[in-house]
Amino acid sequence: MTKYATSTKPKDIYIYKVDVTKQKATTKRFKAFGVPTLVYLEDGMEVGRHSGVLSVEELEETVKEYFE
């Protein structure tokens, strides 16, 4: 699992990249069978999900929707 950090995101939001071929337990746990799949978690609970490619702008809007 790879953790990403950017200077433009809020401090308490983390983005992780999971290799579905190597991390099968994580893939199964989050039911992330389509690639890419974004699972939004807050306090360990899923608050949202998106399958498919997003532009940077779309990703920023989705993060605002779930976390602001």
N, C-alpha and C. Protein backbone atom coordinates (compact mmCIF):
# COMPACT_ATOMS: atom_id res chain seq x y z
N MET A 1 0.85 -1.16 0.00
CA MET A 1 0.00 0.00 0.00
C MET A 1 0.90 1.23 0.00
N THR A 2 0.57 2.19 -0.83
CA THR A 2 1.34 3.41 -0.94
C THR A 2 0.51 4.57 -0.41
N LYS A 3 1.09 5.37 0.47
CA LYS A 3 0.41 6.54 1.03
C LYS A 3 0.88 7.78 0.27
N TYR A 4 -0.07 8.62 -0.14
CA TYR A 4 0.25 9.83 -0.88
C TYR A 4 -0.03 11.05 -0.02
N ALA A 5 0.76 12.07 -0.21
CA ALA A 5 0.55 13.34 0.48
C ALA A 5 0.67 14.45 -0.56
N THR A 6 -0.21 15.42 -0.46
CA THR A 6 -0.11 16.59 -1.33
C THR A 6 -0.23 17.84 -0.47
N SER A 7 0.31 18.91 -0.94
CA SER A 7 0.28 20.14 -0.15
C SER A 7 -1.07 20.84 -0.23
N THR A 8 -1.95 20.42 -1.14
CA THR A 8 -3.22 21.12 -1.31
C THR A 8 -4.38 20.45 -0.58
N LYS A 9 -4.16 19.31 0.03
CA LYS A 9 -5.25 18.63 0.71
C LYS A 9 -5.28 19.01 2.18
N PRO A 10 -6.45 18.88 2.81
CA PRO A 10 -6.49 19.10 4.26
C PRO A 10 -5.59 18.12 4.98
N LYS A 11 -5.07 18.49 6.13
CA LYS A 11 -4.12 17.65 6.86
C LYS A 11 -4.67 16.29 7.24
N ASP A 12 -5.96 16.19 7.49
CA ASP A 12 -6.51 14.95 7.99
C ASP A 12 -7.06 14.03 6.90
N ILE A 13 -6.74 14.29 5.65
CA ILE A 13 -7.17 13.42 4.55
C ILE A 13 -5.94 12.75 3.97
N TYR A 14 -6.03 11.42 3.87
CA TYR A 14 -4.92 10.63 3.34
C TYR A 14 -5.41 9.84 2.14
N ILE A 15 -4.55 9.67 1.17
CA ILE A 15 -4.86 8.91 -0.03
C ILE A 15 -3.89 7.74 -0.10
N TYR A 16 -4.45 6.54 -0.27
CA TYR A 16 -3.64 5.33 -0.36
C TYR A 16 -3.90 4.65 -1.69
N LYS A 17 -2.85 4.13 -2.28
CA LYS A 17 -2.96 3.35 -3.50
C LYS A 17 -2.74 1.89 -3.12
N VAL A 18 -3.67 1.03 -3.53
CA VAL A 18 -3.60 -0.38 -3.21
C VAL A 18 -3.41 -1.15 -4.51
N ASP A 19 -2.44 -2.05 -4.55
CA ASP A 19 -2.23 -2.93 -5.69
C ASP A 19 -3.15 -4.13 -5.52
N VAL A 20 -4.22 -4.18 -6.32
CA VAL A 20 -5.24 -5.22 -6.14
C VAL A 20 -4.71 -6.61 -6.41
N THR A 21 -3.61 -6.72 -7.15
CA THR A 21 -3.05 -8.05 -7.42
C THR A 21 -2.20 -8.55 -6.27
N LYS A 22 -1.68 -7.64 -5.44
CA LYS A 22 -0.82 -8.02 -4.33
C LYS A 22 -1.52 -7.94 -2.98
N GLN A 23 -2.51 -7.10 -2.85
CA GLN A 23 -3.18 -6.87 -1.56
C GLN A 23 -4.64 -7.31 -1.65
N LYS A 24 -4.80 -8.60 -1.86
CA LYS A 24 -6.13 -9.16 -2.09
C LYS A 24 -7.05 -9.03 -0.89
N ALA A 25 -6.52 -9.11 0.32
CA ALA A 25 -7.37 -8.99 1.51
C ALA A 25 -7.97 -7.60 1.60
N THR A 26 -7.16 -6.57 1.32
CA THR A 26 -7.66 -5.19 1.35
C THR A 26 -8.69 -4.99 0.25
N THR A 27 -8.41 -5.52 -0.93
CA THR A 27 -9.34 -5.42 -2.05
C THR A 27 -10.68 -6.06 -1.69
N LYS A 28 -10.62 -7.23 -1.09
CA LYS A 28 -11.85 -7.94 -0.70
C LYS A 28 -12.58 -7.18 0.41
N ARG A 29 -11.85 -6.69 1.39
CA ARG A 29 -12.46 -5.97 2.52
C ARG A 29 -13.29 -4.79 2.05
N PHE A 30 -12.76 -4.04 1.08
CA PHE A 30 -13.44 -2.84 0.60
C PHE A 30 -14.25 -3.09 -0.67
N LYS A 31 -14.30 -4.34 -1.10
CA LYS A 31 -15.06 -4.71 -2.31
C LYS A 31 -14.69 -3.80 -3.48
N ALA A 32 -13.40 -3.64 -3.67
CA ALA A 32 -12.87 -2.77 -4.72
C ALA A 32 -12.49 -3.62 -5.92
N PHE A 33 -13.49 -4.09 -6.66
CA PHE A 33 -13.23 -5.01 -7.75
C PHE A 33 -13.07 -4.31 -9.09
N GLY A 34 -13.60 -3.09 -9.22
CA GLY A 34 -13.36 -2.30 -10.41
C GLY A 34 -12.16 -1.41 -10.16
N VAL A 35 -11.41 -1.14 -11.22
CA VAL A 35 -10.21 -0.32 -11.05
C VAL A 35 -10.33 0.90 -11.95
N PRO A 36 -10.15 2.10 -11.47
CA PRO A 36 -9.90 2.45 -10.07
C PRO A 36 -11.19 2.54 -9.27
N THR A 37 -11.08 2.30 -7.99
CA THR A 37 -12.18 2.49 -7.05
C THR A 37 -11.68 3.37 -5.92
N LEU A 38 -12.43 4.41 -5.61
CA LEU A 38 -12.12 5.28 -4.47
C LEU A 38 -13.12 4.97 -3.37
N VAL A 39 -12.62 4.68 -2.19
CA VAL A 39 -13.47 4.44 -1.03
C VAL A 39 -13.16 5.54 -0.03
N TYR A 40 -14.17 6.30 0.33
CA TYR A 40 -14.00 7.41 1.27
C TYR A 40 -14.38 6.93 2.66
N LEU A 41 -13.46 7.06 3.61
CA LEU A 41 -13.69 6.60 4.98
C LEU A 41 -13.59 7.76 5.94
N GLU A 42 -14.44 7.73 6.95
CA GLU A 42 -14.35 8.69 8.04
C GLU A 42 -14.52 7.91 9.33
N ASP A 43 -13.53 8.01 10.20
CA ASP A 43 -13.52 7.26 11.46
C ASP A 43 -13.69 5.77 11.22
N GLY A 44 -13.08 5.28 10.13
CA GLY A 44 -13.12 3.86 9.81
C GLY A 44 -14.39 3.37 9.14
N MET A 45 -15.35 4.26 8.93
CA MET A 45 -16.62 3.89 8.30
C MET A 45 -16.69 4.46 6.89
N GLU A 46 -17.21 3.68 5.96
CA GLU A 46 -17.34 4.15 4.58
C GLU A 46 -18.42 5.21 4.50
N VAL A 47 -18.06 6.36 3.92
CA VAL A 47 -19.03 7.45 3.74
C VAL A 47 -19.31 7.71 2.27
N GLY A 48 -18.54 7.09 1.40
CA GLY A 48 -18.75 7.28 -0.03
C GLY A 48 -17.87 6.36 -0.84
N ARG A 49 -18.19 6.28 -2.14
CA ARG A 49 -17.45 5.39 -3.02
C ARG A 49 -17.61 5.90 -4.44
N HIS A 50 -16.56 5.74 -5.24
CA HIS A 50 -16.62 6.12 -6.65
C HIS A 50 -15.77 5.13 -7.44
N SER A 51 -16.33 4.62 -8.52
CA SER A 51 -15.56 3.76 -9.44
C SER A 51 -15.34 4.52 -10.73
N GLY A 52 -14.14 4.43 -11.25
CA GLY A 52 -13.81 5.10 -12.49
C GLY A 52 -12.84 6.26 -12.27
N VAL A 53 -12.34 6.75 -13.38
CA VAL A 53 -11.33 7.81 -13.35
C VAL A 53 -11.99 9.15 -13.07
N LEU A 54 -11.33 9.95 -12.24
CA LEU A 54 -11.77 11.32 -11.94
C LEU A 54 -10.66 12.29 -12.31
N SER A 55 -11.03 13.46 -12.77
CA SER A 55 -10.04 14.52 -12.97
C SER A 55 -9.68 15.07 -11.59
N VAL A 56 -8.63 15.85 -11.51
CA VAL A 56 -8.22 16.46 -10.25
C VAL A 56 -9.35 17.32 -9.70
N GLU A 57 -10.00 18.07 -10.57
CA GLU A 57 -11.10 18.94 -10.14
C GLU A 57 -12.26 18.12 -9.59
N GLU A 58 -12.60 17.01 -10.26
CA GLU A 58 -13.68 16.15 -9.79
C GLU A 58 -13.33 15.51 -8.45
N LEU A 59 -12.09 15.10 -8.29
CA LEU A 59 -11.65 14.52 -7.03
C LEU A 59 -11.75 15.55 -5.90
N GLU A 60 -11.32 16.77 -6.15
CA GLU A 60 -11.42 17.82 -5.14
C GLU A 60 -12.87 18.08 -4.74
N GLU A 61 -13.78 18.10 -5.71
CA GLU A 61 -15.20 18.32 -5.41
C GLU A 61 -15.78 17.17 -4.61
N THR A 62 -15.38 15.94 -4.94
CA THR A 62 -15.87 14.77 -4.21
C THR A 62 -15.38 14.79 -2.77
N VAL A 63 -14.13 15.16 -2.56
CA VAL A 63 -13.58 15.25 -1.20
C VAL A 63 -14.37 16.30 -0.41
N LYS A 64 -14.64 17.45 -1.04
CA LYS A 64 -15.42 18.49 -0.36
C LYS A 64 -16.81 17.98 0.01
N GLU A 65 -17.42 17.23 -0.92
CA GLU A 65 -18.77 16.71 -0.68
C GLU A 65 -18.82 15.81 0.55
N TYR A 66 -17.83 14.97 0.72
CA TYR A 66 -17.85 13.99 1.81
C TYR A 66 -17.26 14.51 3.11
N PHE A 67 -16.36 15.50 3.04
CA PHE A 67 -15.61 15.87 4.23
C PHE A 67 -15.72 17.32 4.66
N GLU A 68 -16.58 18.09 4.05
CA GLU A 68 -16.75 19.48 4.50
C GLU A 68 -18.16 19.72 4.96
